[in-house]
């Protein structure tokens, strides 16, 4: 009987420790540059395979985080218009985290940068494309 109580105690401790283990998460730093300026959002999101939406200046970013069955994070950039248009999709393979990406939405062009440099200031309107 004593051994049975000891075994039950070990099982209870094991289950308690397992339940207390936090879900994995990742840090995402996303910058959007446009004629208005620059907005940077930093989020720590659970790696649960769900879609997380970040409304930003002039755009919306959707992040589908990695999950138990996929080690790929997917970022989708949508226009901030009445009928949102998909502008860019990026897949970040592996658990290459933290994620630090940037989008430049200048002069009707979309430029994706990974890793994102330190963006400074708004776009120059009507600047000559590179």
C-alpha atoms as a PDB file:
ATOM      1  CA  UNK A   1       0.000   0.000   0.000  1.00  0.00           C
ATOM      2  CA  UNK A   2       2.861   2.325   0.834  1.00  0.00           C
ATOM      3  CA  UNK A   3       4.461   1.705  -2.609  1.00  0.00           C
ATOM      4  CA  UNK A   4       1.122   2.438  -4.305  1.00  0.00           C
ATOM      5  CA  UNK A   5       0.830   5.787  -2.493  1.00  0.00           C
ATOM      6  CA  UNK A   6       4.407   6.662  -3.431  1.00  0.00           C
ATOM      7  CA  UNK A   7       3.741   5.779  -7.094  1.00  0.00           C
ATOM      8  CA  UNK A   8       0.531   7.839  -7.131  1.00  0.00           C
ATOM      9  CA  UNK A   9       2.478  10.789  -5.670  1.00  0.00           C
ATOM     10  CA  UNK A  10       5.141  10.550  -8.372  1.00  0.00           C
ATOM     11  CA  UNK A  11       2.493  10.444 -11.098  1.00  0.00           C
ATOM     12  CA  UNK A  12       0.746  13.504  -9.635  1.00  0.00           C
ATOM     13  CA  UNK A  13       4.043  15.438  -9.519  1.00  0.00           C
ATOM     14  CA  UNK A  14       4.883  14.411 -13.082  1.00  0.00           C
ATOM     15  CA  UNK A  15       1.466  15.501 -14.398  1.00  0.00           C
ATOM     16  CA  UNK A  16       1.714  18.793 -12.484  1.00  0.00           C
ATOM     17  CA  UNK A  17       5.150  19.608 -13.894  1.00  0.00           C
ATOM     18  CA  UNK A  18       4.044  18.740 -17.421  1.00  0.00           C
ATOM     19  CA  UNK A  19       0.923  20.921 -17.141  1.00  0.00           C
ATOM     20  CA  UNK A  20       2.970  23.876 -15.875  1.00  0.00           C
ATOM     21  CA  UNK A  21       5.334  23.847 -18.861  1.00  0.00           C
ATOM     22  CA  UNK A  22       4.587  27.000 -20.904  1.00  0.00           C
ATOM     23  CA  UNK A  23       3.785  26.724 -24.609  1.00  0.00           C
ATOM     24  CA  UNK A  24       6.631  27.734 -26.895  1.00  0.00           C
ATOM     25  CA  UNK A  25       6.482  31.231 -28.260  1.00  0.00           C
ATOM     26  CA  UNK A  26       8.430  33.472 -30.598  1.00  0.00           C
ATOM     27  CA  UNK A  27       9.186  37.147 -30.943  1.00  0.00           C
ATOM     28  CA  UNK A  28       8.123  38.998 -34.093  1.00  0.00           C
ATOM     29  CA  UNK A  29       9.307  42.529 -34.885  1.00  0.00           C
ATOM     30  CA  UNK A  30       7.654  43.900 -37.999  1.00  0.00           C
ATOM     31  CA  UNK A  31       8.214  47.360 -39.481  1.00  0.00           C
ATOM     32  CA  UNK A  32       6.172  49.042 -42.201  1.00  0.00           C
ATOM     33  CA  UNK A  33       7.508  52.141 -43.966  1.00  0.00           C
ATOM     34  CA  UNK A  34       5.323  54.281 -46.218  1.00  0.00           C
ATOM     35  CA  UNK A  35       4.654  57.927 -47.113  1.00  0.00           C
ATOM     36  CA  UNK A  36       3.094  58.458 -43.660  1.00  0.00           C
ATOM     37  CA  UNK A  37       6.155  57.267 -41.739  1.00  0.00           C
ATOM     38  CA  UNK A  38       7.324  54.075 -40.070  1.00  0.00           C
ATOM     39  CA  UNK A  39       5.438  51.878 -37.662  1.00  0.00           C
ATOM     40  CA  UNK A  40       7.065  49.009 -35.815  1.00  0.00           C
ATOM     41  CA  UNK A  41       5.175  46.366 -33.874  1.00  0.00           C
ATOM     42  CA  UNK A  42       6.797  43.833 -31.600  1.00  0.00           C
ATOM     43  CA  UNK A  43       4.760  40.841 -30.513  1.00  0.00           C
ATOM     44  CA  UNK A  44       5.518  37.657 -28.618  1.00  0.00           C
ATOM     45  CA  UNK A  45       3.143  35.059 -30.008  1.00  0.00           C
ATOM     46  CA  UNK A  46       2.538  31.438 -29.057  1.00  0.00           C
ATOM     47  CA  UNK A  47       3.695  28.839 -31.579  1.00  0.00           C
ATOM     48  CA  UNK A  48       0.206  27.434 -31.901  1.00  0.00           C
ATOM     49  CA  UNK A  49      -0.377  27.507 -35.677  1.00  0.00           C
ATOM     50  CA  UNK A  50      -3.011  30.237 -35.395  1.00  0.00           C
ATOM     51  CA  UNK A  51      -3.360  33.431 -37.425  1.00  0.00           C
ATOM     52  CA  UNK A  52      -2.612  36.679 -35.590  1.00  0.00           C
ATOM     53  CA  UNK A  53      -3.527  40.018 -37.203  1.00  0.00           C
ATOM     54  CA  UNK A  54      -1.513  43.227 -36.777  1.00  0.00           C
ATOM     55  CA  UNK A  55      -3.145  46.380 -38.146  1.00  0.00           C
ATOM     56  CA  UNK A  56      -0.357  48.784 -39.041  1.00  0.00           C
ATOM     57  CA  UNK A  57       0.054  52.157 -40.792  1.00  0.00           C
ATOM     58  CA  UNK A  58      -1.246  51.670 -44.312  1.00  0.00           C
ATOM     59  CA  UNK A  59      -1.253  47.858 -44.165  1.00  0.00           C
ATOM     60  CA  UNK A  60      -2.296  44.785 -42.223  1.00  0.00           C
ATOM     61  CA  UNK A  61       0.101  41.943 -41.428  1.00  0.00           C
ATOM     62  CA  UNK A  62      -1.154  38.436 -40.731  1.00  0.00           C
ATOM     63  CA  UNK A  63       1.203  36.058 -38.949  1.00  0.00           C
ATOM     64  CA  UNK A  64       0.512  32.340 -38.976  1.00  0.00           C
ATOM     65  CA  UNK A  65       2.801  30.986 -36.289  1.00  0.00           C
ATOM     66  CA  UNK A  66       4.579  27.618 -36.426  1.00  0.00           C
ATOM     67  CA  UNK A  67       2.825  24.681 -34.792  1.00  0.00           C
ATOM     68  CA  UNK A  68       3.552  21.158 -33.621  1.00  0.00           C
ATOM     69  CA  UNK A  69       3.072  19.894 -37.183  1.00  0.00           C
ATOM     70  CA  UNK A  70       4.773  22.747 -39.082  1.00  0.00           C
ATOM     71  CA  UNK A  71       7.958  24.661 -38.340  1.00  0.00           C
ATOM     72  CA  UNK A  72       7.121  27.427 -40.830  1.00  0.00           C
ATOM     73  CA  UNK A  73       5.827  30.886 -39.924  1.00  0.00           C
ATOM     74  CA  UNK A  74       3.887  32.606 -42.699  1.00  0.00           C
ATOM     75  CA  UNK A  75       3.614  36.387 -42.958  1.00  0.00           C
ATOM     76  CA  UNK A  76       1.062  37.988 -45.268  1.00  0.00           C
ATOM     77  CA  UNK A  77       0.946  41.698 -46.012  1.00  0.00           C
ATOM     78  CA  UNK A  78      -2.404  43.168 -47.093  1.00  0.00           C
ATOM     79  CA  UNK A  79      -3.245  46.647 -48.347  1.00  0.00           C
ATOM     80  CA  UNK A  80      -5.218  48.881 -46.017  1.00  0.00           C
ATOM     81  CA  UNK A  81      -8.028  49.532 -48.475  1.00  0.00           C
ATOM     82  CA  UNK A  82     -11.779  48.933 -48.610  1.00  0.00           C
ATOM     83  CA  UNK A  83     -11.079  45.622 -50.355  1.00  0.00           C
ATOM     84  CA  UNK A  84      -7.745  44.414 -48.918  1.00  0.00           C
ATOM     85  CA  UNK A  85      -5.339  43.080 -51.526  1.00  0.00           C
ATOM     86  CA  UNK A  86      -2.590  40.551 -50.766  1.00  0.00           C
ATOM     87  CA  UNK A  87       0.692  42.372 -51.434  1.00  0.00           C
ATOM     88  CA  UNK A  88       3.305  39.887 -50.223  1.00  0.00           C
ATOM     89  CA  UNK A  89       3.707  36.459 -48.619  1.00  0.00           C
ATOM     90  CA  UNK A  90       6.833  35.308 -46.792  1.00  0.00           C
ATOM     91  CA  UNK A  91       7.501  31.889 -45.306  1.00  0.00           C
ATOM     92  CA  UNK A  92      10.158  31.716 -42.647  1.00  0.00           C
ATOM     93  CA  UNK A  93      11.323  28.130 -42.371  1.00  0.00           C
ATOM     94  CA  UNK A  94      12.703  26.432 -39.348  1.00  0.00           C
ATOM     95  CA  UNK A  95      12.385  28.142 -36.063  1.00  0.00           C
ATOM     96  CA  UNK A  96      14.622  30.992 -37.180  1.00  0.00           C
ATOM     97  CA  UNK A  97      13.467  33.174 -34.382  1.00  0.00           C
ATOM     98  CA  UNK A  98      13.243  35.941 -33.370  1.00  0.00           C
ATOM     99  CA  UNK A  99      11.714  37.214 -36.612  1.00  0.00           C
ATOM    100  CA  UNK A 100      12.709  40.739 -37.640  1.00  0.00           C
ATOM    101  CA  UNK A 101      11.262  41.822 -40.973  1.00  0.00           C
ATOM    102  CA  UNK A 102      10.378  45.062 -42.681  1.00  0.00           C
ATOM    103  CA  UNK A 103       8.186  46.201 -45.526  1.00  0.00           C
ATOM    104  CA  UNK A 104       8.734  49.353 -47.527  1.00  0.00           C
ATOM    105  CA  UNK A 105       5.582  50.508 -49.299  1.00  0.00           C
ATOM    106  CA  UNK A 106       7.020  53.384 -51.280  1.00  0.00           C
ATOM    107  CA  UNK A 107       6.133  54.749 -54.726  1.00  0.00           C
ATOM    108  CA  UNK A 108       3.674  51.933 -55.496  1.00  0.00           C
ATOM    109  CA  UNK A 109       6.299  49.250 -54.770  1.00  0.00           C
ATOM    110  CA  UNK A 110       6.442  46.614 -52.063  1.00  0.00           C
ATOM    111  CA  UNK A 111       9.899  45.725 -50.773  1.00  0.00           C
ATOM    112  CA  UNK A 112      10.355  42.931 -48.226  1.00  0.00           C
ATOM    113  CA  UNK A 113      13.458  43.004 -46.017  1.00  0.00           C
ATOM    114  CA  UNK A 114      14.626  40.149 -43.818  1.00  0.00           C
ATOM    115  CA  UNK A 115      16.257  40.803 -41.495  1.00  0.00           C
ATOM    116  CA  UNK A 116      14.901  44.318 -41.408  1.00  0.00           C
ATOM    117  CA  UNK A 117      17.418  47.137 -41.342  1.00  0.00           C
ATOM    118  CA  UNK A 118      16.763  50.096 -39.070  1.00  0.00           C
ATOM    119  CA  UNK A 119      14.315  52.048 -41.213  1.00  0.00           C
ATOM    120  CA  UNK A 120      14.470  55.801 -40.800  1.00  0.00           C
ATOM    121  CA  UNK A 121      11.752  58.248 -41.797  1.00  0.00           C
ATOM    122  CA  UNK A 122       8.927  58.199 -44.281  1.00  0.00           C
ATOM    123  CA  UNK A 123       9.325  57.388 -47.966  1.00  0.00           C
ATOM    124  CA  UNK A 124      10.278  60.143 -50.317  1.00  0.00           C
ATOM    125  CA  UNK A 125       7.199  60.668 -52.454  1.00  0.00           C
ATOM    126  CA  UNK A 126       7.862  60.341 -56.194  1.00  0.00           C
ATOM    127  CA  UNK A 127      11.491  59.331 -55.594  1.00  0.00           C
ATOM    128  CA  UNK A 128      13.267  57.655 -58.446  1.00  0.00           C
ATOM    129  CA  UNK A 129      13.013  53.829 -58.112  1.00  0.00           C
ATOM    130  CA  UNK A 130      16.265  52.006 -57.485  1.00  0.00           C
END
